[in-house]
Amino acid sequence: MLSAEQVLGFLAAAVLLTATPGPDNLMVLGIGMSRGRRAGMAFGLGCALGCLSHTLLAVLGGGALIAASPAAFTVLKWAGGGYLVWLGVQAWRHAGAVRIGQPDGGAGARVDTPARLFAKGLLANAVNPKVVLFFLSLLPQFVVPAAGAVPLQMALLGLIFTAQAAALFGLLGAFSGVIGAALMRRPGAGRWLDRLAAAVFTLLGLRLALAG
């Protein structure tokens, strides 16, 4: 089991790292502002729970395998970047089709339900190889080998990280939804918010795919 010192030290580091502006934060912010509070919270929860897959990889050693294989890392990097670019293209194509406060999106509009956005957030986080390596480097720093059950310690730390990420991303999604609802009162704001979200996804995807 984890000691109180381990939990408090890791939790402080996890909250600081999660609150630092990064790709996940920007995606949650963009979705919340363009699609509303529920959408932002659903996408943020998906991003947070995507950390469970990285925890499992770290516990099983899959993260170390990816870190040791440039080919595997490159394939996963391109897949993750391509997926984010695809999300950006879809957001641009449907810009202005969905309005905050109009969950049906209007006749003929394709609606991203909270469940669908949750799945997109989950996948967007799960296919990011940099998060895999992040977990591989972060979790062992807070493990105490002398306490035994190292895999269990890593799993519990991963659960703690996921829980605090879910709380912070949920708050960010709700906050960005309030901002988006205020901006949506202006004519044409919805289309530009969707385009802003599309640009965020596309730029993050290109950055991930082309980064060294």
N, C-alpha and C. Protein backbone atom coordinates (compact mmCIF):
# COMPACT_ATOMS: atom_id res chain seq x y z
N MET A 1 0.84 -1.20 0.00
CA MET A 1 0.00 0.00 0.00
C MET A 1 0.87 1.25 0.00
N LEU A 2 0.24 2.39 -0.31
CA LEU A 2 0.98 3.64 -0.36
C LEU A 2 0.98 4.32 1.00
N SER A 3 2.09 4.98 1.31
CA SER A 3 2.16 5.74 2.55
C SER A 3 1.51 7.11 2.33
N ALA A 4 1.22 7.80 3.43
CA ALA A 4 0.63 9.13 3.33
C ALA A 4 1.56 10.09 2.62
N GLU A 5 2.87 9.94 2.86
CA GLU A 5 3.85 10.81 2.21
C GLU A 5 3.85 10.60 0.70
N GLN A 6 3.77 9.33 0.28
CA GLN A 6 3.71 9.04 -1.16
C GLN A 6 2.48 9.69 -1.79
N VAL A 7 1.33 9.48 -1.17
CA VAL A 7 0.08 9.97 -1.74
C VAL A 7 0.09 11.49 -1.84
N LEU A 8 0.47 12.17 -0.76
CA LEU A 8 0.44 13.63 -0.76
C LEU A 8 1.46 14.21 -1.73
N GLY A 9 2.65 13.63 -1.77
CA GLY A 9 3.68 14.11 -2.68
C GLY A 9 3.29 13.91 -4.13
N PHE A 10 2.76 12.72 -4.43
CA PHE A 10 2.36 12.43 -5.81
C PHE A 10 1.16 13.28 -6.21
N LEU A 11 0.20 13.45 -5.31
CA LEU A 11 -1.00 14.23 -5.62
C LEU A 11 -0.64 15.68 -5.92
N ALA A 12 0.28 16.24 -5.14
CA ALA A 12 0.71 17.62 -5.39
C ALA A 12 1.35 17.75 -6.76
N ALA A 13 2.22 16.79 -7.11
CA ALA A 13 2.87 16.83 -8.42
C ALA A 13 1.85 16.63 -9.54
N ALA A 14 0.90 15.71 -9.34
CA ALA A 14 -0.09 15.42 -10.36
C ALA A 14 -0.99 16.62 -10.64
N VAL A 15 -1.45 17.28 -9.57
CA VAL A 15 -2.31 18.45 -9.75
C VAL A 15 -1.55 19.57 -10.47
N LEU A 16 -0.30 19.78 -10.09
CA LEU A 16 0.50 20.81 -10.74
C LEU A 16 0.69 20.52 -12.22
N LEU A 17 1.00 19.27 -12.54
CA LEU A 17 1.22 18.89 -13.93
C LEU A 17 -0.07 18.95 -14.74
N THR A 18 -1.18 18.55 -14.15
CA THR A 18 -2.46 18.56 -14.88
C THR A 18 -2.93 19.98 -15.12
N ALA A 19 -2.71 20.87 -14.14
CA ALA A 19 -3.16 22.25 -14.27
C ALA A 19 -2.30 23.07 -15.22
N THR A 20 -1.09 22.59 -15.49
CA THR A 20 -0.22 23.30 -16.44
C THR A 20 -0.81 23.21 -17.84
N PRO A 21 -0.93 24.34 -18.56
CA PRO A 21 -1.51 24.30 -19.91
C PRO A 21 -0.80 23.30 -20.81
N GLY A 22 -1.59 22.46 -21.46
CA GLY A 22 -1.05 21.43 -22.34
C GLY A 22 -2.11 21.01 -23.34
N PRO A 23 -1.82 20.01 -24.17
CA PRO A 23 -2.76 19.58 -25.21
C PRO A 23 -4.14 19.20 -24.67
N ASP A 24 -4.19 18.40 -23.60
CA ASP A 24 -5.48 17.98 -23.07
C ASP A 24 -6.30 19.18 -22.59
N ASN A 25 -5.65 20.09 -21.88
CA ASN A 25 -6.35 21.27 -21.39
C ASN A 25 -6.93 22.09 -22.54
N LEU A 26 -6.12 22.27 -23.60
CA LEU A 26 -6.57 23.07 -24.73
C LEU A 26 -7.74 22.41 -25.45
N MET A 27 -7.70 21.08 -25.57
CA MET A 27 -8.80 20.38 -26.24
C MET A 27 -10.09 20.49 -25.44
N VAL A 28 -9.99 20.30 -24.12
CA VAL A 28 -11.18 20.42 -23.27
C VAL A 28 -11.73 21.84 -23.33
N LEU A 29 -10.84 22.82 -23.30
CA LEU A 29 -11.25 24.22 -23.37
C LEU A 29 -11.97 24.51 -24.69
N GLY A 30 -11.40 24.02 -25.79
CA GLY A 30 -12.01 24.26 -27.10
C GLY A 30 -13.38 23.61 -27.24
N ILE A 31 -13.50 22.37 -26.79
CA ILE A 31 -14.78 21.67 -26.87
C ILE A 31 -15.81 22.35 -25.97
N GLY A 32 -15.42 22.70 -24.75
CA GLY A 32 -16.36 23.34 -23.83
C GLY A 32 -16.88 24.66 -24.35
N MET A 33 -15.99 25.47 -24.92
CA MET A 33 -16.40 26.78 -25.41
C MET A 33 -17.30 26.67 -26.64
N SER A 34 -17.03 25.70 -27.50
CA SER A 34 -17.79 25.60 -28.74
C SER A 34 -19.06 24.76 -28.60
N ARG A 35 -19.07 23.76 -27.71
CA ARG A 35 -20.20 22.85 -27.62
C ARG A 35 -20.97 22.93 -26.30
N GLY A 36 -20.43 23.60 -25.31
CA GLY A 36 -21.18 23.75 -24.07
C GLY A 36 -20.57 23.00 -22.90
N ARG A 37 -21.15 23.27 -21.73
CA ARG A 37 -20.61 22.74 -20.47
C ARG A 37 -20.61 21.22 -20.44
N ARG A 38 -21.73 20.58 -20.78
CA ARG A 38 -21.82 19.12 -20.72
C ARG A 38 -20.83 18.47 -21.68
N ALA A 39 -20.70 19.06 -22.87
CA ALA A 39 -19.77 18.51 -23.86
C ALA A 39 -18.33 18.61 -23.36
N GLY A 40 -17.97 19.78 -22.81
CA GLY A 40 -16.62 19.95 -22.30
C GLY A 40 -16.31 19.00 -21.16
N MET A 41 -17.26 18.81 -20.26
CA MET A 41 -17.05 17.90 -19.13
C MET A 41 -16.96 16.46 -19.61
N ALA A 42 -17.78 16.08 -20.59
CA ALA A 42 -17.73 14.71 -21.11
C ALA A 42 -16.39 14.43 -21.79
N PHE A 43 -15.93 15.37 -22.62
CA PHE A 43 -14.65 15.18 -23.30
C PHE A 43 -13.51 15.15 -22.28
N GLY A 44 -13.58 16.04 -21.28
CA GLY A 44 -12.54 16.07 -20.26
C GLY A 44 -12.48 14.79 -19.45
N LEU A 45 -13.65 14.23 -19.13
CA LEU A 45 -13.68 12.97 -18.39
C LEU A 45 -13.07 11.85 -19.23
N GLY A 46 -13.34 11.88 -20.54
CA GLY A 46 -12.74 10.87 -21.42
C GLY A 46 -11.23 10.99 -21.43
N CYS A 47 -10.72 12.22 -21.53
CA CYS A 47 -9.26 12.43 -21.50
C CYS A 47 -8.67 11.91 -20.20
N ALA A 48 -9.36 12.17 -19.10
CA ALA A 48 -8.84 11.74 -17.80
C ALA A 48 -8.80 10.22 -17.70
N LEU A 49 -9.88 9.56 -18.09
CA LEU A 49 -9.93 8.10 -17.98
C LEU A 49 -9.01 7.42 -18.99
N GLY A 50 -8.60 8.16 -20.03
CA GLY A 50 -7.60 7.62 -20.94
C GLY A 50 -6.29 7.34 -20.24
N CYS A 51 -6.07 8.00 -19.10
CA CYS A 51 -4.84 7.76 -18.32
C CYS A 51 -4.79 6.35 -17.76
N LEU A 52 -5.94 5.69 -17.65
CA LEU A 52 -5.96 4.32 -17.14
C LEU A 52 -5.22 3.38 -18.09
N SER A 53 -5.33 3.63 -19.39
CA SER A 53 -4.62 2.78 -20.35
C SER A 53 -3.11 2.97 -20.21
N HIS A 54 -2.68 4.20 -19.96
CA HIS A 54 -1.25 4.46 -19.78
C HIS A 54 -0.74 3.86 -18.47
N THR A 55 -1.60 3.88 -17.46
CA THR A 55 -1.24 3.23 -16.20
C THR A 55 -1.04 1.74 -16.40
N LEU A 56 -1.96 1.12 -17.13
CA LEU A 56 -1.86 -0.32 -17.38
C LEU A 56 -0.60 -0.64 -18.17
N LEU A 57 -0.28 0.19 -19.18
CA LEU A 57 0.94 -0.04 -19.95
C LEU A 57 2.18 0.07 -19.07
N ALA A 58 2.19 1.08 -18.20
CA ALA A 58 3.34 1.27 -17.32
C ALA A 58 3.50 0.09 -16.37
N VAL A 59 2.37 -0.40 -15.84
CA VAL A 59 2.42 -1.54 -14.91
C VAL A 59 2.90 -2.80 -15.61
N LEU A 60 2.42 -3.02 -16.83
CA LEU A 60 2.76 -4.24 -17.57
C LEU A 60 4.08 -4.15 -18.32
N GLY A 61 4.65 -2.95 -18.38
CA GLY A 61 5.93 -2.80 -19.08
C GLY A 61 5.79 -2.44 -20.54
N GLY A 62 4.55 -2.23 -21.00
CA GLY A 62 4.35 -1.87 -22.40
C GLY A 62 4.92 -0.50 -22.72
N GLY A 63 4.86 0.42 -21.76
CA GLY A 63 5.43 1.73 -21.98
C GLY A 63 6.93 1.66 -22.21
N ALA A 64 7.61 0.79 -21.46
CA ALA A 64 9.05 0.63 -21.65
C ALA A 64 9.35 0.07 -23.03
N LEU A 65 8.49 -0.84 -23.52
CA LEU A 65 8.68 -1.40 -24.85
C LEU A 65 8.56 -0.34 -25.92
N ILE A 66 7.56 0.55 -25.77
CA ILE A 66 7.38 1.63 -26.74
C ILE A 66 8.57 2.59 -26.69
N ALA A 67 9.04 2.88 -25.48
CA ALA A 67 10.17 3.79 -25.32
C ALA A 67 11.43 3.20 -25.96
N ALA A 68 11.56 1.88 -25.93
CA ALA A 68 12.76 1.23 -26.46
C ALA A 68 12.68 0.98 -27.96
N SER A 69 11.49 1.14 -28.56
CA SER A 69 11.31 0.86 -29.98
C SER A 69 10.94 2.13 -30.72
N PRO A 70 11.89 2.73 -31.43
CA PRO A 70 11.58 3.94 -32.20
C PRO A 70 10.47 3.71 -33.22
N ALA A 71 10.43 2.53 -33.83
CA ALA A 71 9.40 2.26 -34.84
C ALA A 71 8.01 2.26 -34.21
N ALA A 72 7.87 1.59 -33.05
CA ALA A 72 6.58 1.54 -32.38
C ALA A 72 6.15 2.93 -31.94
N PHE A 73 7.09 3.71 -31.43
CA PHE A 73 6.77 5.07 -31.01
C PHE A 73 6.32 5.92 -32.19
N THR A 74 7.02 5.78 -33.33
CA THR A 74 6.68 6.58 -34.51
C THR A 74 5.29 6.23 -35.04
N VAL A 75 4.98 4.94 -35.10
CA VAL A 75 3.66 4.52 -35.58
C VAL A 75 2.56 5.06 -34.68
N LEU A 76 2.74 4.94 -33.38
CA LEU A 76 1.73 5.43 -32.44
C LEU A 76 1.62 6.95 -32.51
N LYS A 77 2.75 7.61 -32.70
CA LYS A 77 2.77 9.07 -32.80
C LYS A 77 1.98 9.54 -34.02
N TRP A 78 2.21 8.89 -35.16
CA TRP A 78 1.47 9.25 -36.37
C TRP A 78 -0.01 8.94 -36.25
N ALA A 79 -0.32 7.83 -35.61
CA ALA A 79 -1.73 7.47 -35.42
C ALA A 79 -2.43 8.49 -34.53
N GLY A 80 -1.79 8.86 -33.43
CA GLY A 80 -2.37 9.85 -32.53
C GLY A 80 -2.50 11.21 -33.19
N GLY A 81 -1.46 11.64 -33.91
CA GLY A 81 -1.53 12.93 -34.60
C GLY A 81 -2.58 12.94 -35.69
N GLY A 82 -2.67 11.84 -36.43
CA GLY A 82 -3.68 11.74 -37.48
C GLY A 82 -5.09 11.79 -36.93
N TYR A 83 -5.30 11.16 -35.78
CA TYR A 83 -6.63 11.17 -35.17
C TYR A 83 -7.02 12.58 -34.74
N LEU A 84 -6.09 13.32 -34.15
CA LEU A 84 -6.39 14.69 -33.74
C LEU A 84 -6.67 15.59 -34.94
N VAL A 85 -5.91 15.41 -36.01
CA VAL A 85 -6.16 16.19 -37.23
C VAL A 85 -7.55 15.85 -37.79
N TRP A 86 -7.91 14.58 -37.76
CA TRP A 86 -9.25 14.17 -38.22
C TRP A 86 -10.34 14.84 -37.39
N LEU A 87 -10.14 14.90 -36.07
CA LEU A 87 -11.12 15.59 -35.22
C LEU A 87 -11.21 17.07 -35.60
N GLY A 88 -10.07 17.67 -35.91
CA GLY A 88 -10.07 19.07 -36.32
C GLY A 88 -10.81 19.30 -37.62
N VAL A 89 -10.59 18.41 -38.59
CA VAL A 89 -11.28 18.52 -39.88
C VAL A 89 -12.79 18.38 -39.70
N GLN A 90 -13.20 17.42 -38.87
CA GLN A 90 -14.63 17.22 -38.63
C GLN A 90 -15.24 18.45 -37.95
N ALA A 91 -14.53 19.02 -36.99
CA ALA A 91 -15.04 20.21 -36.30
C ALA A 91 -15.17 21.38 -37.26
N TRP A 92 -14.22 21.52 -38.19
CA TRP A 92 -14.28 22.61 -39.17
C TRP A 92 -15.44 22.40 -40.14
N ARG A 93 -15.63 21.16 -40.57
CA ARG A 93 -16.71 20.86 -41.52
C ARG A 93 -18.08 21.17 -40.94
N HIS A 94 -18.25 20.90 -39.65
CA HIS A 94 -19.55 21.08 -39.01
C HIS A 94 -19.61 22.35 -38.18
N ALA A 95 -18.72 23.31 -38.48
CA ALA A 95 -18.69 24.56 -37.71
C ALA A 95 -20.04 25.26 -37.79
N GLY A 96 -20.58 25.61 -36.64
CA GLY A 96 -21.83 26.33 -36.57
C GLY A 96 -23.06 25.46 -36.64
N ALA A 97 -22.88 24.14 -36.81
CA ALA A 97 -24.04 23.25 -36.94
C ALA A 97 -24.69 22.98 -35.59
N VAL A 98 -23.90 23.06 -34.50
CA VAL A 98 -24.41 22.78 -33.17
C VAL A 98 -24.33 24.04 -32.34
N ARG A 99 -25.40 24.32 -31.60
CA ARG A 99 -25.43 25.50 -30.75
C ARG A 99 -25.62 25.11 -29.30
N ILE A 100 -24.96 25.83 -28.40
CA ILE A 100 -25.16 25.60 -26.98
C ILE A 100 -26.62 25.90 -26.65
N GLY A 101 -27.25 24.97 -25.94
CA GLY A 101 -28.65 25.16 -25.61
C GLY A 101 -29.58 24.54 -26.63
N GLN A 102 -29.04 24.01 -27.73
CA GLN A 102 -29.83 23.33 -28.75
C GLN A 102 -29.23 21.95 -28.98
N PRO A 103 -29.49 20.99 -28.09
CA PRO A 103 -28.84 19.69 -28.15
C PRO A 103 -29.14 18.93 -29.43
N ASP A 104 -30.24 19.26 -30.12
CA ASP A 104 -30.52 18.53 -31.35
C ASP A 104 -29.71 19.05 -32.51
N GLY A 105 -29.10 20.24 -32.33
CA GLY A 105 -28.21 20.78 -33.36
C GLY A 105 -28.94 21.25 -34.59
N GLY A 106 -30.26 21.17 -34.63
CA GLY A 106 -30.97 21.57 -35.83
C GLY A 106 -31.20 20.40 -36.74
N ALA A 107 -32.10 20.59 -37.68
CA ALA A 107 -32.47 19.50 -38.59
C ALA A 107 -31.28 19.08 -39.44
N GLY A 108 -31.02 17.79 -39.48
CA GLY A 108 -29.99 17.23 -40.34
C GLY A 108 -28.58 17.37 -39.80
N ALA A 109 -28.42 17.99 -38.64
CA ALA A 109 -27.07 18.16 -38.08
C ALA A 109 -26.63 16.88 -37.38
N ARG A 110 -25.35 16.57 -37.53
CA ARG A 110 -24.80 15.41 -36.85
C ARG A 110 -24.35 15.86 -35.46
N VAL A 111 -24.95 15.29 -34.44
CA VAL A 111 -24.72 15.74 -33.08
C VAL A 111 -23.69 14.85 -32.39
N ASP A 112 -22.71 15.49 -31.75
CA ASP A 112 -21.78 14.75 -30.89
C ASP A 112 -22.40 14.70 -29.51
N THR A 113 -22.95 13.57 -29.15
CA THR A 113 -23.55 13.40 -27.83
C THR A 113 -22.44 13.37 -26.78
N PRO A 114 -22.78 13.59 -25.49
CA PRO A 114 -21.76 13.48 -24.44
C PRO A 114 -21.04 12.14 -24.47
N ALA A 115 -21.77 11.06 -24.76
CA ALA A 115 -21.13 9.74 -24.81
C ALA A 115 -20.11 9.67 -25.95
N ARG A 116 -20.46 10.26 -27.08
CA ARG A 116 -19.55 10.26 -28.23
C ARG A 116 -18.32 11.12 -27.93
N LEU A 117 -18.53 12.25 -27.30
CA LEU A 117 -17.41 13.12 -26.95
C LEU A 117 -16.52 12.48 -25.88
N PHE A 118 -17.14 11.76 -24.96
CA PHE A 118 -16.37 11.02 -23.96
C PHE A 118 -15.45 10.02 -24.65
N ALA A 119 -15.99 9.28 -25.63
CA ALA A 119 -15.19 8.29 -26.36
C ALA A 119 -14.06 8.95 -27.13
N LYS A 120 -14.33 10.12 -27.72
CA LYS A 120 -13.29 10.83 -28.46
C LYS A 120 -12.17 11.29 -27.53
N GLY A 121 -12.55 11.80 -26.36
CA GLY A 121 -11.53 12.21 -25.40
C GLY A 121 -10.71 11.05 -24.91
N LEU A 122 -11.38 9.92 -24.66
CA LEU A 122 -10.70 8.71 -24.21
C LEU A 122 -9.66 8.27 -25.24
N LEU A 123 -10.06 8.24 -26.51
CA LEU A 123 -9.16 7.78 -27.57
C LEU A 123 -8.05 8.79 -27.82
N ALA A 124 -8.39 10.09 -27.78
CA ALA A 124 -7.37 11.12 -28.03
C ALA A 124 -6.24 11.02 -27.01
N ASN A 125 -6.55 10.71 -25.78
CA ASN A 125 -5.52 10.57 -24.76
C ASN A 125 -4.81 9.24 -24.87
N ALA A 126 -5.55 8.19 -25.16
CA ALA A 126 -4.98 6.84 -25.16
C ALA A 126 -3.96 6.65 -26.28
N VAL A 127 -4.12 7.34 -27.41
CA VAL A 127 -3.21 7.13 -28.54
C VAL A 127 -2.06 8.13 -28.55
N ASN A 128 -1.91 8.89 -27.49
CA ASN A 128 -0.80 9.86 -27.42
C ASN A 128 0.43 9.19 -26.82
N PRO A 129 1.45 8.90 -27.60
CA PRO A 129 2.63 8.18 -27.08
C PRO A 129 3.42 9.00 -26.08
N LYS A 130 3.31 10.31 -26.15
CA LYS A 130 4.05 11.14 -25.19
C LYS A 130 3.48 10.99 -23.79
N VAL A 131 2.16 10.72 -23.69
CA VAL A 131 1.57 10.48 -22.39
C VAL A 131 2.04 9.12 -21.86
N VAL A 132 2.21 8.15 -22.76
CA VAL A 132 2.75 6.85 -22.36
C VAL A 132 4.11 7.04 -21.70
N LEU A 133 4.99 7.78 -22.37
CA LEU A 133 6.33 8.00 -21.83
C LEU A 133 6.29 8.86 -20.57
N PHE A 134 5.33 9.78 -20.51
CA PHE A 134 5.18 10.61 -19.32
C PHE A 134 4.87 9.74 -18.11
N PHE A 135 3.94 8.82 -18.26
CA PHE A 135 3.59 7.93 -17.15
C PHE A 135 4.76 7.01 -16.81
N LEU A 136 5.46 6.57 -17.83
CA LEU A 136 6.59 5.67 -17.61
C LEU A 136 7.69 6.35 -16.80
N SER A 137 7.83 7.67 -16.97
CA SER A 137 8.87 8.40 -16.24
C SER A 137 8.37 8.94 -14.91
N LEU A 138 7.05 9.21 -14.79
CA LEU A 138 6.52 9.82 -13.56
C LEU A 138 6.27 8.81 -12.46
N LEU A 139 5.55 7.74 -12.76
CA LEU A 139 5.11 6.81 -11.71
C LEU A 139 6.26 6.20 -10.92
N PRO A 140 7.33 5.72 -11.59
CA PRO A 140 8.41 5.09 -10.81
C PRO A 140 9.08 6.03 -9.81
N GLN A 141 9.00 7.34 -10.04
CA GLN A 141 9.65 8.28 -9.13
C GLN A 141 9.00 8.29 -7.74
N PHE A 142 7.76 7.84 -7.67
CA PHE A 142 7.04 7.86 -6.40
C PHE A 142 6.82 6.45 -5.83
N VAL A 143 7.46 5.47 -6.45
CA VAL A 143 7.37 4.10 -5.97
C VAL A 143 8.48 3.85 -4.95
N VAL A 144 8.16 3.14 -3.89
CA VAL A 144 9.15 2.77 -2.86
C VAL A 144 9.38 1.26 -2.99
N PRO A 145 10.45 0.83 -3.66
CA PRO A 145 10.68 -0.60 -3.86
C PRO A 145 10.74 -1.39 -2.56
N ALA A 146 11.27 -0.78 -1.51
CA ALA A 146 11.39 -1.50 -0.23
C ALA A 146 10.03 -1.87 0.35
N ALA A 147 8.98 -1.16 -0.07
CA ALA A 147 7.64 -1.46 0.44
C ALA A 147 7.02 -2.65 -0.25
N GLY A 148 7.64 -3.12 -1.35
CA GLY A 148 7.13 -4.28 -2.07
C GLY A 148 5.93 -3.95 -2.95
N ALA A 149 5.45 -4.97 -3.68
CA ALA A 149 4.27 -4.84 -4.55
C ALA A 149 4.39 -3.61 -5.46
N VAL A 150 5.50 -3.52 -6.20
CA VAL A 150 5.75 -2.36 -7.05
C VAL A 150 4.64 -2.16 -8.09
N PRO A 151 4.20 -3.23 -8.80
CA PRO A 151 3.10 -3.04 -9.77
C PRO A 151 1.85 -2.46 -9.12
N LEU A 152 1.51 -2.91 -7.91
CA LEU A 152 0.33 -2.40 -7.21
C LEU A 152 0.51 -0.93 -6.86
N GLN A 153 1.71 -0.56 -6.42
CA GLN A 153 1.97 0.85 -6.11
C GLN A 153 1.77 1.71 -7.36
N MET A 154 2.29 1.27 -8.50
CA MET A 154 2.15 2.03 -9.74
C MET A 154 0.69 2.12 -10.16
N ALA A 155 -0.05 1.04 -9.99
CA ALA A 155 -1.47 1.05 -10.35
C ALA A 155 -2.24 2.04 -9.49
N LEU A 156 -1.96 2.06 -8.19
CA LEU A 156 -2.66 2.99 -7.29
C LEU A 156 -2.29 4.43 -7.61
N LEU A 157 -1.04 4.69 -7.93
CA LEU A 157 -0.64 6.04 -8.31
C LEU A 157 -1.34 6.46 -9.60
N GLY A 158 -1.46 5.54 -10.54
CA GLY A 158 -2.17 5.85 -11.78
C GLY A 158 -3.63 6.18 -11.53
N LEU A 159 -4.26 5.46 -10.60
CA LEU A 159 -5.66 5.74 -10.25
C LEU A 159 -5.80 7.12 -9.60
N ILE A 160 -4.83 7.48 -8.77
CA ILE A 160 -4.86 8.80 -8.14
C ILE A 160 -4.73 9.89 -9.20
N PHE A 161 -3.81 9.69 -10.15
CA PHE A 161 -3.62 10.68 -11.21
C PHE A 161 -4.91 10.82 -12.02
N THR A 162 -5.53 9.70 -12.35
CA THR A 162 -6.76 9.72 -13.14
C THR A 162 -7.88 10.45 -12.41
N ALA A 163 -8.01 10.21 -11.11
CA ALA A 163 -9.08 10.84 -10.32
C ALA A 163 -8.92 12.35 -10.27
N GLN A 164 -7.70 12.82 -10.02
CA GLN A 164 -7.54 14.27 -9.93
C GLN A 164 -7.67 14.91 -11.31
N ALA A 165 -7.24 14.20 -12.36
CA ALA A 165 -7.40 14.73 -13.72
C ALA A 165 -8.88 14.84 -14.09
N ALA A 166 -9.68 13.85 -13.68
CA ALA A 166 -11.11 13.89 -13.95
C ALA A 166 -11.74 15.11 -13.27
N ALA A 167 -11.33 15.38 -12.03
CA ALA A 167 -11.88 16.53 -11.29
C ALA A 167 -11.49 17.85 -11.96
N LEU A 168 -10.21 17.99 -12.30
CA LEU A 168 -9.74 19.26 -12.88
C LEU A 168 -10.28 19.47 -14.28
N PHE A 169 -10.29 18.42 -15.11
CA PHE A 169 -10.82 18.56 -16.46
C PHE A 169 -12.33 18.81 -16.44
N GLY A 170 -13.01 18.21 -15.46
CA GLY A 170 -14.44 18.47 -15.33
C GLY A 170 -14.71 19.93 -15.01
N LEU A 171 -13.93 20.49 -14.10
CA LEU A 171 -14.07 21.91 -13.76
C LEU A 171 -13.74 22.79 -14.95
N LEU A 172 -12.70 22.42 -15.69
CA LEU A 172 -12.31 23.21 -16.87
C LEU A 172 -13.40 23.16 -17.93
N GLY A 173 -13.99 21.96 -18.14
CA GLY A 173 -15.06 21.83 -19.11
C GLY A 173 -16.27 22.67 -18.73
N ALA A 174 -16.61 22.67 -17.45
CA ALA A 174 -17.76 23.46 -16.98
C ALA A 174 -17.47 24.95 -17.12
N PHE A 175 -16.27 25.37 -16.75
CA PHE A 175 -15.90 26.78 -16.83
C PHE A 175 -15.89 27.27 -18.28
N SER A 176 -15.30 26.47 -19.17
CA SER A 176 -15.24 26.88 -20.57
C SER A 176 -16.62 26.90 -21.20
N GLY A 177 -17.52 26.03 -20.72
CA GLY A 177 -18.89 26.04 -21.22
C GLY A 177 -19.61 27.32 -20.87
N VAL A 178 -19.37 27.84 -19.66
CA VAL A 178 -19.98 29.11 -19.24
C VAL A 178 -19.48 30.25 -20.13
N ILE A 179 -18.17 30.26 -20.40
CA ILE A 179 -17.60 31.29 -21.27
C ILE A 179 -18.18 31.18 -22.67
N GLY A 180 -18.26 29.95 -23.18
CA GLY A 180 -18.79 29.75 -24.52
C GLY A 180 -20.24 30.18 -24.62
N ALA A 181 -21.04 29.91 -23.59
CA ALA A 181 -22.45 30.30 -23.61
C ALA A 181 -22.58 31.82 -23.65
N ALA A 182 -21.70 32.53 -22.95
CA ALA A 182 -21.74 33.99 -22.97
C ALA A 182 -21.36 34.52 -24.35
N LEU A 183 -20.33 33.92 -24.94
CA LEU A 183 -19.90 34.38 -26.26
C LEU A 183 -20.92 34.03 -27.34
N MET A 184 -21.67 32.93 -27.12
CA MET A 184 -22.61 32.46 -28.12
C MET A 184 -23.76 33.44 -28.35
N ARG A 185 -23.94 34.37 -27.44
CA ARG A 185 -25.01 35.35 -27.61
C ARG A 185 -24.71 36.33 -28.73
N ARG A 186 -23.46 36.36 -29.15
CA ARG A 186 -23.07 37.25 -30.24
C ARG A 186 -23.29 36.57 -31.58
N PRO A 187 -23.80 37.28 -32.58
CA PRO A 187 -24.05 36.67 -33.89
C PRO A 187 -22.77 36.10 -34.50
N GLY A 188 -22.86 34.87 -34.98
CA GLY A 188 -21.73 34.24 -35.66
C GLY A 188 -20.67 33.68 -34.74
N ALA A 189 -20.84 33.83 -33.41
CA ALA A 189 -19.82 33.37 -32.48
C ALA A 189 -19.68 31.86 -32.50
N GLY A 190 -20.81 31.15 -32.66
CA GLY A 190 -20.77 29.69 -32.65
C GLY A 190 -19.87 29.13 -33.73
N ARG A 191 -19.98 29.67 -34.94
CA ARG A 191 -19.15 29.18 -36.04
C ARG A 191 -17.67 29.41 -35.75
N TRP A 192 -17.34 30.58 -35.20
CA TRP A 192 -15.93 30.88 -34.93
C TRP A 192 -15.39 30.08 -33.76
N LEU A 193 -16.23 29.77 -32.78
CA LEU A 193 -15.78 28.92 -31.68
C LEU A 193 -15.50 27.51 -32.18
N ASP A 194 -16.36 27.00 -33.08
CA ASP A 194 -16.11 25.69 -33.67
C ASP A 194 -14.81 25.69 -34.46
N ARG A 195 -14.58 26.77 -35.20
CA ARG A 195 -13.35 26.86 -35.99
C ARG A 195 -12.12 26.97 -35.09
N LEU A 196 -12.28 27.65 -33.94
CA LEU A 196 -11.18 27.71 -32.99
C LEU A 196 -10.86 26.33 -32.44
N ALA A 197 -11.90 25.56 -32.10
CA ALA A 197 -11.69 24.19 -31.62
C ALA A 197 -11.03 23.35 -32.71
N ALA A 198 -11.48 23.53 -33.96
CA ALA A 198 -10.90 22.79 -35.08
C ALA A 198 -9.41 23.11 -35.24
N ALA A 199 -9.07 24.39 -35.11
CA ALA A 199 -7.67 24.79 -35.24
C ALA A 199 -6.82 24.19 -34.13
N VAL A 200 -7.36 24.17 -32.91
CA VAL A 200 -6.63 23.59 -31.77
C VAL A 200 -6.33 22.13 -32.03
N PHE A 201 -7.34 21.35 -32.42
CA PHE A 201 -7.15 19.92 -32.68
C PHE A 201 -6.15 19.70 -33.81
N THR A 202 -6.28 20.45 -34.90
CA THR A 202 -5.41 20.26 -36.06
C THR A 202 -3.96 20.59 -35.72
N LEU A 203 -3.73 21.71 -35.06
CA LEU A 203 -2.36 22.11 -34.71
C LEU A 203 -1.72 21.14 -33.73
N LEU A 204 -2.51 20.67 -32.75
CA LEU A 204 -1.97 19.70 -31.80
C LEU A 204 -1.65 18.38 -32.49
N GLY A 205 -2.52 17.99 -33.44
CA GLY A 205 -2.26 16.75 -34.17
C GLY A 205 -1.01 16.83 -35.01
N LEU A 206 -0.83 17.95 -35.72
CA LEU A 206 0.38 18.13 -36.54
C LEU A 206 1.61 18.20 -35.66
N ARG A 207 1.49 18.87 -34.53
CA ARG A 207 2.63 18.95 -33.61
C ARG A 207 3.04 17.57 -33.11
N LEU A 208 2.05 16.76 -32.76
CA LEU A 208 2.34 15.42 -32.26
C LEU A 208 2.96 14.55 -33.35
N ALA A 209 2.39 14.60 -34.57
CA ALA A 209 2.86 13.74 -35.66
C ALA A 209 4.26 14.13 -36.14
N LEU A 210 4.58 15.43 -36.11
CA LEU A 210 5.84 15.88 -36.68
C LEU A 210 6.94 16.10 -35.66
N ALA A 211 6.58 16.02 -34.36
CA ALA A 211 7.59 16.25 -33.31
C ALA A 211 8.61 15.13 -33.29
N GLY A 212 9.82 15.46 -32.87
CA GLY A 212 10.87 14.46 -32.77
C GLY A 212 10.68 13.61 -31.52
